[in-house]
Amino acid sequence: MNEKGQISSAQARELLQRQLTVWHLARENYKAYANIQSRRFDMGGFTIEAQYNPSRMPSSSAKIDEQSLRQRSCFLCPHHLPQEQEKLPFGTGYFLLCNPYPIFPEHFTISSREHAAQEILPRFADFLDLSSQLEACTVFYNGPKSGASAPDHLHFQAVTRCRMPVERELNEQLSRSRLVLETSGGRLYALTDYLHNCFVIKARTRETATALFRTVNNALDIEPDETEPKMNLFALCDRQEGQTLILVPRRRHRPWQCAAKGADRFLSSPGAADMGGLFITVRKEDFERLTPDILRDIYGQVCYSDADMGRAVERIKCMNPKDLPM
């Protein structure tokens, strides 16, 4: 890292190795991850991979209502971090941390040094910077009501590249997608009939990536009491091809089964990993009874339908040309 707070994938990996040496919690959870149970579901043209990961129970069951957030200490604030947790500065406003509850072989949290709300637009430039510096990783963002267990503290995550089905299937899925918008510096696609429908941005410059992201953001539904549309966002950077962004619009935070009682209960709090096709279960009984129909039901509740995507595309088409990227 230099004086400007730049980081690299290699430095992040070195941090992880140091943490596994000195931090018992992280070491034990990464050992457990190495023996994780998984199942693969062929959904007809694409894949969902299910992971049984009980260490994620605190995240999946986190209460994120305002009262609960006020009553608990923020676990991402620097003064509340465990003594063993090492902080790697990123830029002037963030720390890169080893995530001690991994879903991936390498799992990092990049948290704001200040206690600031989870909101993407004011920090989108930082999100792109992070993606370009950690180019061996996939960087993602969980909206405040789209899987973030700390919606009151701004953070991103960075993980091992190509571990999610959406990354591995992207080129194949784009071949059947709808081209919504083409500019001199990039393209915007809409991908439907995909269970976790999404918009995909291919941009050769960060200016184009930013303009196309704002275009999609402005076309999405937003609740009156929320600060931004519900979404999960992925960024993959390639020095030759530029920036790829995958934006998964959300309808709901959690499926109704998450709060159900008895036999109807299915503990699922979908975040970016789930929207990437890596479905996380924290209870053995849920992992074992999971079926394609249950997956279709849960994704259908929390993701945009084909009709929702169509309405967003029409809003983009109806935007004033001067408001669209050139």
C-alpha atoms as a PDB file:
ATOM      1  CA  MET A   1       0.000   0.000   0.000  1.00  0.00           C
ATOM      2  CA  ASN A   2       1.290   3.479  -0.847  1.00  0.00           C
ATOM      3  CA  GLU A   3       0.653   6.831   0.820  1.00  0.00           C
ATOM      4  CA  LYS A   4      -2.620   7.208  -1.099  1.00  0.00           C
ATOM      5  CA  GLY A   5      -4.087   4.140   0.586  1.00  0.00           C
ATOM      6  CA  GLN A   6      -4.025   1.928  -2.496  1.00  0.00           C
ATOM      7  CA  ILE A   7      -4.280  -1.808  -1.961  1.00  0.00           C
ATOM      8  CA  SER A   8      -3.897  -4.947  -4.047  1.00  0.00           C
ATOM      9  CA  SER A   9      -5.377  -8.426  -4.088  1.00  0.00           C
ATOM     10  CA  ALA A  10      -1.995  -9.786  -2.996  1.00  0.00           C
ATOM     11  CA  GLN A  11      -1.942  -7.529   0.064  1.00  0.00           C
ATOM     12  CA  ALA A  12      -5.467  -8.597   0.968  1.00  0.00           C
ATOM     13  CA  ARG A  13      -4.444 -12.255   0.766  1.00  0.00           C
ATOM     14  CA  GLU A  14      -1.394 -11.589   2.920  1.00  0.00           C
ATOM     15  CA  LEU A  15      -3.666  -9.960   5.495  1.00  0.00           C
ATOM     16  CA  LEU A  16      -5.908 -13.036   5.510  1.00  0.00           C
ATOM     17  CA  GLN A  17      -2.941 -15.356   6.079  1.00  0.00           C
ATOM     18  CA  ARG A  18      -1.714 -13.224   8.987  1.00  0.00           C
ATOM     19  CA  GLN A  19      -5.177 -13.225  10.527  1.00  0.00           C
ATOM     20  CA  LEU A  20      -5.492 -17.002  10.258  1.00  0.00           C
ATOM     21  CA  THR A  21      -2.247 -17.280  12.209  1.00  0.00           C
ATOM     22  CA  VAL A  22      -3.201 -15.061  15.155  1.00  0.00           C
ATOM     23  CA  TRP A  23      -7.021 -14.958  15.291  1.00  0.00           C
ATOM     24  CA  HIS A  24      -8.636 -18.110  16.668  1.00  0.00           C
ATOM     25  CA  LEU A  25     -12.214 -17.273  15.575  1.00  0.00           C
ATOM     26  CA  ALA A  26     -11.213 -16.610  11.977  1.00  0.00           C
ATOM     27  CA  ARG A  27      -8.949 -19.669  11.836  1.00  0.00           C
ATOM     28  CA  GLU A  28     -11.665 -22.020  13.111  1.00  0.00           C
ATOM     29  CA  ASN A  29     -14.339 -20.619  10.785  1.00  0.00           C
ATOM     30  CA  TYR A  30     -12.089 -20.839   7.716  1.00  0.00           C
ATOM     31  CA  LYS A  31     -11.235 -24.427   8.684  1.00  0.00           C
ATOM     32  CA  ALA A  32     -14.952 -25.180   8.918  1.00  0.00           C
ATOM     33  CA  TYR A  33     -15.519 -23.499   5.557  1.00  0.00           C
ATOM     34  CA  ALA A  34     -13.013 -25.865   3.938  1.00  0.00           C
ATOM     35  CA  ASN A  35     -15.412 -28.734   4.748  1.00  0.00           C
ATOM     36  CA  ILE A  36     -18.618 -26.899   3.886  1.00  0.00           C
ATOM     37  CA  GLN A  37     -21.558 -28.892   2.542  1.00  0.00           C
ATOM     38  CA  SER A  38     -23.045 -27.807  -0.767  1.00  0.00           C
ATOM     39  CA  ARG A  39     -25.728 -28.842  -3.245  1.00  0.00           C
ATOM     40  CA  ARG A  40     -26.162 -27.925  -6.902  1.00  0.00           C
ATOM     41  CA  PHE A  41     -29.531 -27.290  -8.534  1.00  0.00           C
ATOM     42  CA  ASP A  42     -30.009 -27.184 -12.290  1.00  0.00           C
ATOM     43  CA  MET A  43     -32.763 -24.601 -12.738  1.00  0.00           C
ATOM     44  CA  GLY A  44     -33.106 -25.038 -16.487  1.00  0.00           C
ATOM     45  CA  GLY A  45     -30.514 -22.925 -18.261  1.00  0.00           C
ATOM     46  CA  PHE A  46     -28.714 -21.742 -15.137  1.00  0.00           C
ATOM     47  CA  THR A  47     -27.476 -23.005 -11.776  1.00  0.00           C
ATOM     48  CA  ILE A  48     -28.131 -22.320  -8.102  1.00  0.00           C
ATOM     49  CA  GLU A  49     -25.574 -23.642  -5.624  1.00  0.00           C
ATOM     50  CA  ALA A  50     -26.723 -24.067  -2.022  1.00  0.00           C
ATOM     51  CA  GLN A  51     -24.284 -23.836   0.865  1.00  0.00           C
ATOM     52  CA  TYR A  52     -24.869 -25.014   4.443  1.00  0.00           C
ATOM     53  CA  ASN A  53     -22.951 -22.515   6.547  1.00  0.00           C
ATOM     54  CA  PRO A  54     -24.088 -22.302  10.197  1.00  0.00           C
ATOM     55  CA  SER A  55     -21.455 -19.661  11.015  1.00  0.00           C
ATOM     56  CA  ARG A  56     -23.635 -17.187   9.080  1.00  0.00           C
ATOM     57  CA  MET A  57     -26.515 -17.488  11.558  1.00  0.00           C
ATOM     58  CA  PRO A  58     -25.840 -14.045  13.157  1.00  0.00           C
ATOM     59  CA  SER A  59     -26.058 -12.384   9.733  1.00  0.00           C
ATOM     60  CA  SER A  60     -29.129 -14.274   8.516  1.00  0.00           C
ATOM     61  CA  SER A  61     -31.064 -13.636  11.718  1.00  0.00           C
ATOM     62  CA  ALA A  62     -29.871 -10.059  12.326  1.00  0.00           C
ATOM     63  CA  LYS A  63     -32.549  -7.586  13.372  1.00  0.00           C
ATOM     64  CA  ILE A  64     -32.186  -4.419  11.311  1.00  0.00           C
ATOM     65  CA  ASP A  65     -35.136  -2.334  12.487  1.00  0.00           C
ATOM     66  CA  GLU A  66     -34.231   1.099  13.853  1.00  0.00           C
ATOM     67  CA  GLN A  67     -34.813   0.185  17.490  1.00  0.00           C
ATOM     68  CA  SER A  68     -32.638  -2.926  17.299  1.00  0.00           C
ATOM     69  CA  LEU A  69     -29.850  -1.001  15.569  1.00  0.00           C
ATOM     70  CA  ARG A  70     -29.928   1.685  18.271  1.00  0.00           C
ATOM     71  CA  GLN A  71     -29.748  -0.895  21.029  1.00  0.00           C
ATOM     72  CA  ARG A  72     -26.709  -2.789  19.751  1.00  0.00           C
ATOM     73  CA  SER A  73     -23.101  -1.734  19.389  1.00  0.00           C
ATOM     74  CA  CYS A  74     -22.050  -1.354  15.756  1.00  0.00           C
ATOM     75  CA  PHE A  75     -19.675  -4.237  15.095  1.00  0.00           C
ATOM     76  CA  LEU A  76     -18.031  -2.407  12.146  1.00  0.00           C
ATOM     77  CA  CYS A  77     -17.013   0.733  14.022  1.00  0.00           C
ATOM     78  CA  PRO A  78     -13.224   0.633  14.516  1.00  0.00           C
ATOM     79  CA  HIS A  79     -13.432   0.948  18.307  1.00  0.00           C
ATOM     80  CA  HIS A  80     -15.724  -2.108  18.473  1.00  0.00           C
ATOM     81  CA  LEU A  81     -13.575  -4.410  16.332  1.00  0.00           C
ATOM     82  CA  PRO A  82     -12.014  -7.444  18.054  1.00  0.00           C
ATOM     83  CA  GLN A  83      -8.521  -6.861  19.372  1.00  0.00           C
ATOM     84  CA  GLU A  84      -7.167  -9.525  17.005  1.00  0.00           C
ATOM     85  CA  GLN A  85      -8.626  -7.896  13.893  1.00  0.00           C
ATOM     86  CA  GLU A  86      -6.027  -6.175  11.727  1.00  0.00           C
ATOM     87  CA  LYS A  87      -7.055  -3.164   9.624  1.00  0.00           C
ATOM     88  CA  LEU A  88      -5.584  -2.512   6.177  1.00  0.00           C
ATOM     89  CA  PRO A  89      -6.235   1.105   5.098  1.00  0.00           C
ATOM     90  CA  PHE A  90      -8.006   1.639   1.791  1.00  0.00           C
ATOM     91  CA  GLY A  91      -8.055   5.231   0.589  1.00  0.00           C
ATOM     92  CA  THR A  92      -8.592   7.778   3.335  1.00  0.00           C
ATOM     93  CA  GLY A  93     -12.010   6.604   4.450  1.00  0.00           C
ATOM     94  CA  TYR A  94     -11.984   2.804   4.711  1.00  0.00           C
ATOM     95  CA  PHE A  95     -10.383  -0.232   6.289  1.00  0.00           C
ATOM     96  CA  LEU A  96     -10.118  -3.625   4.609  1.00  0.00           C
ATOM     97  CA  LEU A  97     -10.822  -6.392   7.120  1.00  0.00           C
ATOM     98  CA  CYS A  98     -10.722 -10.168   7.060  1.00  0.00           C
ATOM     99  CA  ASN A  99     -14.321 -11.397   7.369  1.00  0.00           C
ATOM    100  CA  PRO A 100     -14.245 -14.014  10.165  1.00  0.00           C
ATOM    101  CA  TYR A 101     -17.495 -15.634   8.948  1.00  0.00           C
ATOM    102  CA  PRO A 102     -16.575 -16.631   5.379  1.00  0.00           C
ATOM    103  CA  ILE A 103     -18.881 -17.661   2.545  1.00  0.00           C
ATOM    104  CA  PHE A 104     -15.896 -17.793   0.159  1.00  0.00           C
ATOM    105  CA  PRO A 105     -12.286 -19.064   0.367  1.00  0.00           C
ATOM    106  CA  GLU A 106     -11.200 -15.409   0.635  1.00  0.00           C
ATOM    107  CA  HIS A 107     -13.740 -13.055   2.149  1.00  0.00           C
ATOM    108  CA  PHE A 108     -13.088  -9.423   3.057  1.00  0.00           C
ATOM    109  CA  THR A 109     -15.180  -6.578   4.407  1.00  0.00           C
ATOM    110  CA  ILE A 110     -14.261  -3.019   3.443  1.00  0.00           C
ATOM    111  CA  SER A 111     -15.854  -0.739   6.015  1.00  0.00           C
ATOM    112  CA  SER A 112     -16.033   3.003   6.390  1.00  0.00           C
ATOM    113  CA  ARG A 113     -13.859   4.468   9.118  1.00  0.00           C
ATOM    114  CA  GLU A 114     -16.812   6.638  10.087  1.00  0.00           C
ATOM    115  CA  HIS A 115     -20.240   5.442  11.181  1.00  0.00           C
ATOM    116  CA  ALA A 116     -22.228   6.337   8.047  1.00  0.00           C
ATOM    117  CA  ALA A 117     -25.383   4.811   6.607  1.00  0.00           C
ATOM    118  CA  GLN A 118     -25.254   2.159   3.895  1.00  0.00           C
ATOM    119  CA  GLU A 119     -25.879   4.113   0.673  1.00  0.00           C
ATOM    120  CA  ILE A 120     -24.251   3.485  -2.692  1.00  0.00           C
ATOM    121  CA  LEU A 121     -24.590   6.645  -4.797  1.00  0.00           C
ATOM    122  CA  PRO A 122     -22.390   8.932  -2.646  1.00  0.00           C
ATOM    123  CA  ARG A 123     -19.709   6.203  -2.511  1.00  0.00           C
ATOM    124  CA  PHE A 124     -19.992   4.755  -5.998  1.00  0.00           C
ATOM    125  CA  ALA A 125     -16.604   6.169  -7.038  1.00  0.00           C
ATOM    126  CA  ASP A 126     -15.027   4.404  -4.049  1.00  0.00           C
ATOM    127  CA  PHE A 127     -16.783   1.184  -5.087  1.00  0.00           C
ATOM    128  CA  LEU A 128     -15.212   1.395  -8.558  1.00  0.00           C
ATOM    129  CA  ASP A 129     -11.799   2.253  -7.088  1.00  0.00           C
ATOM    130  CA  LEU A 130     -11.988  -0.798  -4.860  1.00  0.00           C
ATOM    131  CA  SER A 131     -12.906  -3.027  -7.792  1.00  0.00           C
ATOM    132  CA  SER A 132     -10.026  -1.750  -9.918  1.00  0.00           C
ATOM    133  CA  GLN A 133      -7.477  -2.209  -7.121  1.00  0.00           C
ATOM    134  CA  LEU A 134      -8.717  -5.650  -6.035  1.00  0.00           C
ATOM    135  CA  GLU A 135      -8.925  -6.864  -9.624  1.00  0.00           C
ATOM    136  CA  ALA A 136      -8.484 -10.531  -8.650  1.00  0.00           C
ATOM    137  CA  CYS A 137     -11.624 -10.266  -6.523  1.00  0.00           C
ATOM    138  CA  THR A 138     -15.306  -9.694  -7.089  1.00  0.00           C
ATOM    139  CA  VAL A 139     -16.511  -6.692  -5.107  1.00  0.00           C
ATOM    140  CA  PHE A 140     -20.122  -6.394  -4.024  1.00  0.00           C
ATOM    141  CA  TYR A 141     -22.568  -4.175  -2.178  1.00  0.00           C
ATOM    142  CA  ASN A 142     -25.646  -5.136  -0.178  1.00  0.00           C
ATOM    143  CA  GLY A 143     -28.288  -2.433   0.030  1.00  0.00           C
ATOM    144  CA  PRO A 144     -29.535  -1.491   3.529  1.00  0.00           C
ATOM    145  CA  LYS A 145     -32.609  -3.687   3.074  1.00  0.00           C
ATOM    146  CA  SER A 146     -31.104  -6.194   0.667  1.00  0.00           C
ATOM    147  CA  GLY A 147     -28.954  -8.386   2.865  1.00  0.00           C
ATOM    148  CA  ALA A 148     -26.759  -5.952   4.803  1.00  0.00           C
ATOM    149  CA  SER A 149     -26.551  -7.054   8.442  1.00  0.00           C
ATOM    150  CA  ALA A 150     -25.105  -3.623   9.331  1.00  0.00           C
ATOM    151  CA  PRO A 151     -27.282  -1.190   7.327  1.00  0.00           C
ATOM    152  CA  ASP A 152     -26.219   1.643   9.611  1.00  0.00           C
ATOM    153  CA  HIS A 153     -22.518   1.349   8.732  1.00  0.00           C
ATOM    154  CA  LEU A 154     -21.288   1.717   5.152  1.00  0.00           C
ATOM    155  CA  HIS A 155     -19.374  -1.298   3.892  1.00  0.00           C
ATOM    156  CA  PHE A 156     -18.527  -3.300   0.797  1.00  0.00           C
ATOM    157  CA  GLN A 157     -17.282  -6.864   0.477  1.00  0.00           C
ATOM    158  CA  ALA A 158     -14.632  -8.481  -1.705  1.00  0.00           C
ATOM    159  CA  VAL A 159     -14.422 -12.207  -2.378  1.00  0.00           C
ATOM    160  CA  THR A 160     -12.718 -14.868  -4.463  1.00  0.00           C
ATOM    161  CA  ARG A 161     -13.443 -14.303  -8.172  1.00  0.00           C
ATOM    162  CA  CYS A 162     -15.748 -16.674 -10.102  1.00  0.00           C
ATOM    163  CA  ARG A 163     -17.105 -18.570  -7.095  1.00  0.00           C
ATOM    164  CA  MET A 164     -20.693 -17.477  -7.820  1.00  0.00           C
ATOM    165  CA  PRO A 165     -22.678 -18.987 -10.688  1.00  0.00           C
ATOM    166  CA  VAL A 166     -23.672 -15.554 -12.004  1.00  0.00           C
ATOM    167  CA  GLU A 167     -20.019 -14.823 -12.790  1.00  0.00           C
ATOM    168  CA  ARG A 168     -19.340 -18.133 -14.509  1.00  0.00           C
ATOM    169  CA  GLU A 169     -22.573 -18.008 -16.530  1.00  0.00           C
ATOM    170  CA  LEU A 170     -22.490 -14.332 -17.429  1.00  0.00           C
ATOM    171  CA  ASN A 171     -21.262 -14.509 -21.020  1.00  0.00           C
ATOM    172  CA  GLU A 172     -23.688 -17.303 -21.863  1.00  0.00           C
ATOM    173  CA  GLN A 173     -26.599 -15.443 -20.272  1.00  0.00           C
ATOM    174  CA  LEU A 174     -25.712 -12.182 -22.026  1.00  0.00           C
ATOM    175  CA  SER A 175     -26.075 -13.955 -25.363  1.00  0.00           C
ATOM    176  CA  ARG A 176     -29.829 -14.163 -24.738  1.00  0.00           C
ATOM    177  CA  SER A 177     -30.249 -10.830 -22.914  1.00  0.00           C
ATOM    178  CA  ARG A 178     -31.877  -7.620 -24.137  1.00  0.00           C
ATOM    179  CA  LEU A 179     -29.633  -4.727 -25.135  1.00  0.00           C
ATOM    180  CA  VAL A 180     -31.277  -1.723 -23.481  1.00  0.00           C
ATOM    181  CA  LEU A 181     -28.792   1.040 -24.186  1.00  0.00           C
ATOM    182  CA  GLU A 182     -25.553   1.414 -26.129  1.00  0.00           C
ATOM    183  CA  THR A 183     -23.158   4.324 -25.803  1.00  0.00           C
ATOM    184  CA  SER A 184     -19.744   5.120 -27.197  1.00  0.00           C
ATOM    185  CA  GLY A 185     -18.184   3.707 -24.028  1.00  0.00           C
ATOM    186  CA  GLY A 186     -20.384   0.826 -23.011  1.00  0.00           C
ATOM    187  CA  ARG A 187     -23.594  -1.165 -23.038  1.00  0.00           C
ATOM    188  CA  LEU A 188     -26.518  -1.815 -20.707  1.00  0.00           C
ATOM    189  CA  TYR A 189     -28.283  -5.183 -20.818  1.00  0.00           C
ATOM    190  CA  ALA A 190     -31.419  -6.536 -19.123  1.00  0.00           C
ATOM    191  CA  LEU A 191     -31.384 -10.209 -18.206  1.00  0.00           C
ATOM    192  CA  THR A 192     -34.778 -11.808 -17.488  1.00  0.00           C
ATOM    193  CA  ASP A 193     -36.215 -15.309 -17.065  1.00  0.00           C
ATOM    194  CA  TYR A 194     -33.250 -15.827 -14.747  1.00  0.00           C
ATOM    195  CA  LEU A 195     -34.819 -16.183 -11.243  1.00  0.00           C
ATOM    196  CA  HIS A 196     -32.536 -13.398  -9.982  1.00  0.00           C
ATOM    197  CA  ASN A 197     -33.192 -10.980 -12.865  1.00  0.00           C
ATOM    198  CA  CYS A 198     -30.565  -8.296 -13.297  1.00  0.00           C
ATOM    199  CA  PHE A 199     -29.094  -5.439 -15.285  1.00  0.00           C
ATOM    200  CA  VAL A 200     -25.557  -5.836 -16.618  1.00  0.00           C
ATOM    201  CA  ILE A 201     -23.295  -2.908 -17.462  1.00  0.00           C
ATOM    202  CA  LYS A 202     -20.221  -3.314 -19.645  1.00  0.00           C
ATOM    203  CA  ALA A 203     -18.152  -0.117 -19.609  1.00  0.00           C
ATOM    204  CA  ARG A 204     -14.720   0.755 -20.928  1.00  0.00           C
ATOM    205  CA  THR A 205     -14.384   3.803 -18.664  1.00  0.00           C
ATOM    206  CA  ARG A 206     -15.424   4.598 -15.111  1.00  0.00           C
ATOM    207  CA  GLU A 207     -17.326   7.640 -16.392  1.00  0.00           C
ATOM    208  CA  THR A 208     -19.513   5.412 -18.563  1.00  0.00           C
ATOM    209  CA  ALA A 209     -19.940   2.890 -15.742  1.00  0.00           C
ATOM    210  CA  THR A 210     -21.086   5.675 -13.429  1.00  0.00           C
ATOM    211  CA  ALA A 211     -23.486   7.180 -15.968  1.00  0.00           C
ATOM    212  CA  LEU A 212     -25.080   3.830 -16.812  1.00  0.00           C
ATOM    213  CA  PHE A 213     -25.388   2.900 -13.141  1.00  0.00           C
ATOM    214  CA  ARG A 214     -27.157   6.173 -12.386  1.00  0.00           C
ATOM    215  CA  THR A 215     -29.480   5.555 -15.325  1.00  0.00           C
ATOM    216  CA  VAL A 216     -30.556   2.175 -13.953  1.00  0.00           C
ATOM    217  CA  ASN A 217     -30.752   3.458 -10.385  1.00  0.00           C
ATOM    218  CA  ASN A 218     -33.129   6.233 -11.471  1.00  0.00           C
ATOM    219  CA  ALA A 219     -35.399   3.699 -13.197  1.00  0.00           C
ATOM    220  CA  LEU A 220     -35.899   1.442 -10.164  1.00  0.00           C
ATOM    221  CA  ASP A 221     -38.714   1.544  -7.638  1.00  0.00           C
ATOM    222  CA  ILE A 222     -37.973   3.129  -4.265  1.00  0.00           C
ATOM    223  CA  GLU A 223     -40.098   2.991  -1.125  1.00  0.00           C
ATOM    224  CA  PRO A 224     -41.130   6.350   0.416  1.00  0.00           C
ATOM    225  CA  ASP A 225     -39.312   5.603   3.688  1.00  0.00           C
ATOM    226  CA  GLU A 226     -36.100   4.318   2.075  1.00  0.00           C
ATOM    227  CA  THR A 227     -33.034   6.176   0.811  1.00  0.00           C
ATOM    228  CA  GLU A 228     -32.361   4.105  -2.321  1.00  0.00           C
ATOM    229  CA  PRO A 229     -33.867   1.314  -4.415  1.00  0.00           C
ATOM    230  CA  LYS A 230     -33.363  -2.147  -2.974  1.00  0.00           C
ATOM    231  CA  MET A 231     -30.452  -3.772  -4.774  1.00  0.00           C
ATOM    232  CA  ASN A 232     -27.379  -5.935  -4.720  1.00  0.00           C
ATOM    233  CA  LEU A 233     -24.465  -4.806  -6.856  1.00  0.00           C
ATOM    234  CA  PHE A 234     -21.389  -6.655  -8.135  1.00  0.00           C
ATOM    235  CA  ALA A 235     -18.273  -5.207  -9.776  1.00  0.00           C
ATOM    236  CA  LEU A 236     -15.617  -7.084 -11.735  1.00  0.00           C
ATOM    237  CA  CYS A 237     -12.718  -5.165 -13.228  1.00  0.00           C
ATOM    238  CA  ASP A 238     -10.457  -6.260 -16.075  1.00  0.00           C
ATOM    239  CA  ARG A 239      -7.595  -4.086 -17.297  1.00  0.00           C
ATOM    240  CA  GLN A 240      -8.299  -5.009 -20.916  1.00  0.00           C
ATOM    241  CA  GLU A 241     -12.105  -5.136 -20.999  1.00  0.00           C
ATOM    242  CA  GLY A 242     -12.903  -2.496 -18.381  1.00  0.00           C
ATOM    243  CA  GLN A 243     -15.674  -2.643 -15.809  1.00  0.00           C
ATOM    244  CA  THR A 244     -18.523  -5.144 -15.536  1.00  0.00           C
ATOM    245  CA  LEU A 245     -21.354  -4.319 -13.142  1.00  0.00           C
ATOM    246  CA  ILE A 246     -24.217  -6.660 -12.273  1.00  0.00           C
ATOM    247  CA  LEU A 247     -27.149  -4.941 -10.577  1.00  0.00           C
ATOM    248  CA  VAL A 248     -29.863  -7.159  -9.102  1.00  0.00           C
ATOM    249  CA  PRO A 249     -32.968  -5.090  -8.230  1.00  0.00           C
ATOM    250  CA  ARG A 250     -34.919  -6.287  -5.199  1.00  0.00           C
ATOM    251  CA  ARG A 251     -38.598  -6.296  -4.265  1.00  0.00           C
ATOM    252  CA  ARG A 252     -38.251  -7.465  -0.671  1.00  0.00           C
ATOM    253  CA  HIS A 253     -35.586  -7.908   1.949  1.00  0.00           C
ATOM    254  CA  ARG A 254     -36.611 -11.372   3.176  1.00  0.00           C
ATOM    255  CA  PRO A 255     -39.187 -14.001   2.166  1.00  0.00           C
ATOM    256  CA  TRP A 256     -42.208 -14.505   4.398  1.00  0.00           C
ATOM    257  CA  GLN A 257     -40.875 -17.889   5.529  1.00  0.00           C
ATOM    258  CA  CYS A 258     -38.034 -16.177   7.385  1.00  0.00           C
ATOM    259  CA  ALA A 259     -40.457 -14.921  10.073  1.00  0.00           C
ATOM    260  CA  ALA A 260     -42.817 -17.920   9.995  1.00  0.00           C
ATOM    261  CA  LYS A 261     -43.267 -20.350  12.868  1.00  0.00           C
ATOM    262  CA  GLY A 262     -43.072 -24.101  13.015  1.00  0.00           C
ATOM    263  CA  ALA A 263     -42.821 -26.193   9.869  1.00  0.00           C
ATOM    264  CA  ASP A 264     -43.317 -23.156   7.616  1.00  0.00           C
ATOM    265  CA  ARG A 265     -40.155 -21.457   8.864  1.00  0.00           C
ATOM    266  CA  PHE A 266     -37.241 -21.311   6.422  1.00  0.00           C
ATOM    267  CA  LEU A 267     -34.429 -19.070   7.627  1.00  0.00           C
ATOM    268  CA  SER A 268     -33.222 -17.173   4.562  1.00  0.00           C
ATOM    269  CA  SER A 269     -32.008 -13.582   4.418  1.00  0.00           C
ATOM    270  CA  PRO A 270     -30.842 -13.238   0.806  1.00  0.00           C
ATOM    271  CA  GLY A 271     -27.905 -10.951   0.133  1.00  0.00           C
ATOM    272  CA  ALA A 272     -25.457 -10.488  -2.715  1.00  0.00           C
ATOM    273  CA  ALA A 273     -24.085 -14.032  -2.564  1.00  0.00           C
ATOM    274  CA  ASP A 274     -27.608 -15.434  -2.952  1.00  0.00           C
ATOM    275  CA  MET A 275     -28.279 -13.004  -5.816  1.00  0.00           C
ATOM    276  CA  GLY A 276     -25.111 -14.336  -7.407  1.00  0.00           C
ATOM    277  CA  GLY A 277     -26.579 -17.835  -7.368  1.00  0.00           C
ATOM    278  CA  LEU A 278     -24.874 -18.993  -4.148  1.00  0.00           C
ATOM    279  CA  PHE A 279     -27.813 -19.676  -1.833  1.00  0.00           C
ATOM    280  CA  ILE A 280     -26.834 -19.613   1.846  1.00  0.00           C
ATOM    281  CA  THR A 281     -28.584 -21.772   4.448  1.00  0.00           C
ATOM    282  CA  VAL A 282     -27.692 -21.632   8.133  1.00  0.00           C
ATOM    283  CA  ARG A 283     -29.898 -24.464   9.438  1.00  0.00           C
ATOM    284  CA  LYS A 284     -29.294 -28.104   8.509  1.00  0.00           C
ATOM    285  CA  GLU A 285     -33.008 -28.805   8.153  1.00  0.00           C
ATOM    286  CA  ASP A 286     -33.392 -25.988   5.603  1.00  0.00           C
ATOM    287  CA  PHE A 287     -30.377 -27.156   3.623  1.00  0.00           C
ATOM    288  CA  GLU A 288     -31.679 -30.728   3.455  1.00  0.00           C
ATOM    289  CA  ARG A 289     -35.250 -29.883   2.442  1.00  0.00           C
ATOM    290  CA  LEU A 290     -34.300 -27.308  -0.174  1.00  0.00           C
ATOM    291  CA  THR A 291     -35.827 -27.982  -3.609  1.00  0.00           C
ATOM    292  CA  PRO A 292     -35.981 -26.121  -6.930  1.00  0.00           C
ATOM    293  CA  ASP A 293     -39.571 -25.118  -6.108  1.00  0.00           C
ATOM    294  CA  ILE A 294     -38.532 -23.587  -2.773  1.00  0.00           C
ATOM    295  CA  LEU A 295     -35.743 -21.703  -4.534  1.00  0.00           C
ATOM    296  CA  ARG A 296     -38.142 -20.384  -7.176  1.00  0.00           C
ATOM    297  CA  ASP A 297     -40.546 -19.244  -4.463  1.00  0.00           C
ATOM    298  CA  ILE A 298     -37.922 -17.422  -2.388  1.00  0.00           C
ATOM    299  CA  TYR A 299     -36.216 -15.737  -5.337  1.00  0.00           C
ATOM    300  CA  GLY A 300     -39.618 -14.871  -6.774  1.00  0.00           C
ATOM    301  CA  GLN A 301     -40.534 -13.028  -3.585  1.00  0.00           C
ATOM    302  CA  VAL A 302     -37.372 -10.966  -3.221  1.00  0.00           C
ATOM    303  CA  CYS A 303     -36.282 -10.315  -6.834  1.00  0.00           C
ATOM    304  CA  TYR A 304     -37.760  -8.296  -9.683  1.00  0.00           C
ATOM    305  CA  SER A 305     -40.171 -10.241 -11.878  1.00  0.00           C
ATOM    306  CA  ASP A 306     -39.921 -10.130 -15.662  1.00  0.00           C
ATOM    307  CA  ALA A 307     -42.751  -7.560 -15.584  1.00  0.00           C
ATOM    308  CA  ASP A 308     -40.872  -5.415 -13.044  1.00  0.00           C
ATOM    309  CA  MET A 309     -37.801  -5.506 -15.271  1.00  0.00           C
ATOM    310  CA  GLY A 310     -39.918  -4.536 -18.269  1.00  0.00           C
ATOM    311  CA  ARG A 311     -41.265  -1.476 -16.467  1.00  0.00           C
ATOM    312  CA  ALA A 312     -37.751  -0.386 -15.488  1.00  0.00           C
ATOM    313  CA  VAL A 313     -36.559  -0.802 -19.082  1.00  0.00           C
ATOM    314  CA  GLU A 314     -39.470   1.302 -20.350  1.00  0.00           C
ATOM    315  CA  ARG A 315     -38.597   4.047 -17.872  1.00  0.00           C
ATOM    316  CA  ILE A 316     -35.075   4.092 -19.263  1.00  0.00           C
ATOM    317  CA  LYS A 317     -36.415   4.235 -22.814  1.00  0.00           C
ATOM    318  CA  CYS A 318     -38.670   7.168 -21.861  1.00  0.00           C
ATOM    319  CA  MET A 319     -35.904   9.201 -20.212  1.00  0.00           C
ATOM    320  CA  ASN A 320     -34.953  12.503 -21.764  1.00  0.00           C
ATOM    321  CA  PRO A 321     -32.039  11.848 -24.151  1.00  0.00           C
ATOM    322  CA  LYS A 322     -30.034  14.627 -22.518  1.00  0.00           C
ATOM    323  CA  ASP A 323     -30.190  12.671 -19.242  1.00  0.00           C
ATOM    324  CA  LEU A 324     -28.767   9.523 -20.821  1.00  0.00           C
ATOM    325  CA  PRO A 325     -25.041   8.771 -21.180  1.00  0.00           C
ATOM    326  CA  MET A 326     -23.605   9.377 -24.655  1.00  0.00           C
END
